Amino acid sequence: MRVDKWLSSVNVIKRRTIASDMVKSGVVYVNGLKAKASKNVAIGDKITIEYLKGAKLYEVLDIPTTKTIPKSQKDKYVKEINGE
Protein backbone atom coordinates (compact mmCIF):
# COMPACT_ATOMS: atom_id res chain seq x y z
CA MET A 1 0.00 0.00 0.00
CA ARG A 2 1.26 3.47 -0.86
CA VAL A 3 2.51 5.53 2.08
CA ASP A 4 -0.01 8.35 1.56
CA LYS A 5 -2.90 5.90 1.32
CA TRP A 6 -1.73 4.02 4.44
CA LEU A 7 -1.47 7.23 6.48
CA SER A 8 -5.09 8.14 5.69
CA SER A 9 -6.45 4.57 5.92
CA VAL A 10 -5.19 4.03 9.48
CA ASN A 11 -6.33 7.49 10.63
CA VAL A 12 -2.88 9.00 11.21
CA ILE A 13 -3.80 11.82 8.80
CA LYS A 14 -7.47 12.63 8.22
CA ARG A 15 -7.50 12.93 4.42
CA ARG A 16 -5.44 11.33 1.68
CA THR A 17 -4.99 14.65 -0.14
CA ILE A 18 -3.34 16.07 2.98
CA ALA A 19 -1.17 12.95 3.29
CA SER A 20 -0.14 13.30 -0.37
CA ASP A 21 0.73 16.97 0.12
CA MET A 22 2.82 16.14 3.19
CA VAL A 23 4.76 13.48 1.25
CA LYS A 24 5.34 15.93 -1.65
CA SER A 25 6.51 18.58 0.83
CA GLY A 26 9.20 16.20 2.10
CA VAL A 27 8.08 15.90 5.72
CA VAL A 28 7.33 12.14 5.62
CA TYR A 29 10.16 9.64 6.04
CA VAL A 30 10.04 5.83 5.77
CA ASN A 31 12.85 4.07 7.64
CA GLY A 32 14.83 7.31 7.77
CA LEU A 33 14.61 8.04 4.03
CA LYS A 34 12.49 10.83 2.53
CA ALA A 35 9.38 9.14 1.12
CA LYS A 36 7.89 9.54 -2.34
CA ALA A 37 4.12 9.19 -2.80
CA SER A 38 4.59 5.93 -4.70
CA LYS A 39 6.61 4.36 -1.83
CA ASN A 40 4.98 1.18 -0.58
CA VAL A 41 4.98 0.47 3.14
CA ALA A 42 5.51 -2.94 4.67
CA ILE A 43 4.90 -4.40 8.12
CA GLY A 44 7.69 -3.27 10.44
CA ASP A 45 8.46 -0.02 8.60
CA LYS A 46 9.02 3.09 10.70
CA ILE A 47 7.31 6.23 9.42
CA THR A 48 8.38 9.65 10.69
CA ILE A 49 6.31 12.79 10.13
CA GLU A 50 8.06 16.11 10.74
CA TYR A 51 5.45 18.49 12.15
CA LEU A 52 6.24 22.12 12.99
CA LYS A 53 6.11 21.30 16.72
CA GLY A 54 8.30 18.22 16.40
CA ALA A 55 8.46 14.80 14.82
CA LYS A 56 6.17 11.83 15.41
CA LEU A 57 7.32 8.27 14.79
CA TYR A 58 4.96 5.45 13.87
CA GLU A 59 5.49 1.73 13.29
CA VAL A 60 3.48 -0.18 10.68
CA LEU A 61 1.90 -3.18 12.41
CA ASP A 62 -0.40 -4.31 9.59
CA ILE A 63 -1.68 -3.24 6.17
CA PRO A 64 -5.47 -2.68 5.98
CA THR A 65 -7.39 -4.39 3.18
CA THR A 66 -10.11 -1.73 3.09
CA LYS A 67 -10.01 1.98 2.23
CA THR A 68 -10.58 3.02 5.84
CA ILE A 69 -10.68 1.31 9.20
CA PRO A 70 -12.73 2.16 12.28
CA LYS A 71 -10.82 4.40 14.68
CA SER A 72 -11.33 1.78 17.39
CA GLN A 73 -9.13 -0.62 15.37
CA LYS A 74 -6.26 1.83 14.82
CA ASP A 75 -4.05 0.04 17.38
CA LYS A 76 -4.01 -3.10 15.19
CA TYR A 77 -2.40 -1.24 12.30
CA VAL A 78 -0.18 1.47 13.77
CA LYS A 79 1.85 2.06 16.91
CA GLU A 80 3.06 5.51 17.89
CA ILE A 81 6.62 5.36 19.21
CA ASN A 82 7.64 8.05 21.70
CA GLY A 83 11.04 9.18 22.86
CA GLU A 84 13.07 8.35 19.78
C-alpha atoms as a PDB file:
ATOM      1  CA  MET A   1       0.000   0.000   0.000  1.00  0.00           C
ATOM      2  CA  ARG A   2       1.264   3.473  -0.857  1.00  0.00           C
ATOM      3  CA  VAL A   3       2.510   5.528   2.083  1.00  0.00           C
ATOM      4  CA  ASP A   4      -0.008   8.352   1.558  1.00  0.00           C
ATOM      5  CA  LYS A   5      -2.900   5.897   1.324  1.00  0.00           C
ATOM      6  CA  TRP A   6      -1.729   4.020   4.436  1.00  0.00           C
ATOM      7  CA  LEU A   7      -1.473   7.225   6.479  1.00  0.00           C
ATOM      8  CA  SER A   8      -5.087   8.142   5.690  1.00  0.00           C
ATOM      9  CA  SER A   9      -6.451   4.568   5.923  1.00  0.00           C
ATOM     10  CA  VAL A  10      -5.193   4.032   9.475  1.00  0.00           C
ATOM     11  CA  ASN A  11      -6.329   7.489  10.628  1.00  0.00           C
ATOM     12  CA  VAL A  12      -2.875   8.998  11.206  1.00  0.00           C
ATOM     13  CA  ILE A  13      -3.804  11.817   8.805  1.00  0.00           C
ATOM     14  CA  LYS A  14      -7.470  12.629   8.222  1.00  0.00           C
ATOM     15  CA  ARG A  15      -7.500  12.932   4.423  1.00  0.00           C
ATOM     16  CA  ARG A  16      -5.443  11.334   1.676  1.00  0.00           C
ATOM     17  CA  THR A  17      -4.988  14.649  -0.137  1.00  0.00           C
ATOM     18  CA  ILE A  18      -3.340  16.074   2.981  1.00  0.00           C
ATOM     19  CA  ALA A  19      -1.172  12.951   3.289  1.00  0.00           C
ATOM     20  CA  SER A  20      -0.140  13.299  -0.374  1.00  0.00           C
ATOM     21  CA  ASP A  21       0.726  16.971   0.120  1.00  0.00           C
ATOM     22  CA  MET A  22       2.824  16.136   3.188  1.00  0.00           C
ATOM     23  CA  VAL A  23       4.756  13.485   1.245  1.00  0.00           C
ATOM     24  CA  LYS A  24       5.336  15.927  -1.654  1.00  0.00           C
ATOM     25  CA  SER A  25       6.513  18.579   0.832  1.00  0.00           C
ATOM     26  CA  GLY A  26       9.204  16.202   2.100  1.00  0.00           C
ATOM     27  CA  VAL A  27       8.079  15.902   5.724  1.00  0.00           C
ATOM     28  CA  VAL A  28       7.332  12.140   5.624  1.00  0.00           C
ATOM     29  CA  TYR A  29      10.161   9.638   6.036  1.00  0.00           C
ATOM     30  CA  VAL A  30      10.039   5.834   5.769  1.00  0.00           C
ATOM     31  CA  ASN A  31      12.852   4.065   7.636  1.00  0.00           C
ATOM     32  CA  GLY A  32      14.826   7.313   7.766  1.00  0.00           C
ATOM     33  CA  LEU A  33      14.609   8.040   4.032  1.00  0.00           C
ATOM     34  CA  LYS A  34      12.492  10.828   2.535  1.00  0.00           C
ATOM     35  CA  ALA A  35       9.380   9.144   1.122  1.00  0.00           C
ATOM     36  CA  LYS A  36       7.889   9.538  -2.335  1.00  0.00           C
ATOM     37  CA  ALA A  37       4.117   9.192  -2.800  1.00  0.00           C
ATOM     38  CA  SER A  38       4.590   5.931  -4.696  1.00  0.00           C
ATOM     39  CA  LYS A  39       6.612   4.360  -1.832  1.00  0.00           C
ATOM     40  CA  ASN A  40       4.979   1.180  -0.581  1.00  0.00           C
ATOM     41  CA  VAL A  41       4.984   0.473   3.141  1.00  0.00           C
ATOM     42  CA  ALA A  42       5.508  -2.944   4.672  1.00  0.00           C
ATOM     43  CA  ILE A  43       4.903  -4.401   8.118  1.00  0.00           C
ATOM     44  CA  GLY A  44       7.687  -3.269  10.442  1.00  0.00           C
ATOM     45  CA  ASP A  45       8.460  -0.019   8.599  1.00  0.00           C
ATOM     46  CA  LYS A  46       9.024   3.090  10.700  1.00  0.00           C
ATOM     47  CA  ILE A  47       7.308   6.233   9.418  1.00  0.00           C
ATOM     48  CA  THR A  48       8.377   9.651  10.691  1.00  0.00           C
ATOM     49  CA  ILE A  49       6.312  12.786  10.129  1.00  0.00           C
ATOM     50  CA  GLU A  50       8.063  16.107  10.744  1.00  0.00           C
ATOM     51  CA  TYR A  51       5.449  18.490  12.150  1.00  0.00           C
ATOM     52  CA  LEU A  52       6.241  22.125  12.993  1.00  0.00           C
ATOM     53  CA  LYS A  53       6.106  21.298  16.716  1.00  0.00           C
ATOM     54  CA  GLY A  54       8.305  18.220  16.396  1.00  0.00           C
ATOM     55  CA  ALA A  55       8.456  14.796  14.816  1.00  0.00           C
ATOM     56  CA  LYS A  56       6.170  11.825  15.414  1.00  0.00           C
ATOM     57  CA  LEU A  57       7.317   8.272  14.787  1.00  0.00           C
ATOM     58  CA  TYR A  58       4.956   5.451  13.865  1.00  0.00           C
ATOM     59  CA  GLU A  59       5.485   1.733  13.292  1.00  0.00           C
ATOM     60  CA  VAL A  60       3.484  -0.184  10.678  1.00  0.00           C
ATOM     61  CA  LEU A  61       1.899  -3.184  12.413  1.00  0.00           C
ATOM     62  CA  ASP A  62      -0.401  -4.312   9.585  1.00  0.00           C
ATOM     63  CA  ILE A  63      -1.679  -3.240   6.174  1.00  0.00           C
ATOM     64  CA  PRO A  64      -5.467  -2.679   5.976  1.00  0.00           C
ATOM     65  CA  THR A  65      -7.394  -4.389   3.178  1.00  0.00           C
ATOM     66  CA  THR A  66     -10.110  -1.731   3.091  1.00  0.00           C
ATOM     67  CA  LYS A  67     -10.013   1.980   2.229  1.00  0.00           C
ATOM     68  CA  THR A  68     -10.578   3.024   5.839  1.00  0.00           C
ATOM     69  CA  ILE A  69     -10.677   1.306   9.197  1.00  0.00           C
ATOM     70  CA  PRO A  70     -12.734   2.164  12.282  1.00  0.00           C
ATOM     71  CA  LYS A  71     -10.816   4.401  14.684  1.00  0.00           C
ATOM     72  CA  SER A  72     -11.331   1.776  17.386  1.00  0.00           C
ATOM     73  CA  GLN A  73      -9.128  -0.624  15.374  1.00  0.00           C
ATOM     74  CA  LYS A  74      -6.260   1.832  14.817  1.00  0.00           C
ATOM     75  CA  ASP A  75      -4.045   0.043  17.378  1.00  0.00           C
ATOM     76  CA  LYS A  76      -4.012  -3.101  15.194  1.00  0.00           C
ATOM     77  CA  TYR A  77      -2.397  -1.242  12.303  1.00  0.00           C
ATOM     78  CA  VAL A  78      -0.175   1.469  13.766  1.00  0.00           C
ATOM     79  CA  LYS A  79       1.855   2.055  16.912  1.00  0.00           C
ATOM     80  CA  GLU A  80       3.063   5.509  17.890  1.00  0.00           C
ATOM     81  CA  ILE A  81       6.617   5.362  19.205  1.00  0.00           C
ATOM     82  CA  ASN A  82       7.636   8.051  21.700  1.00  0.00           C
ATOM     83  CA  GLY A  83      11.043   9.182  22.855  1.00  0.00           C
ATOM     84  CA  GLU A  84      13.067   8.349  19.782  1.00  0.00           C
END
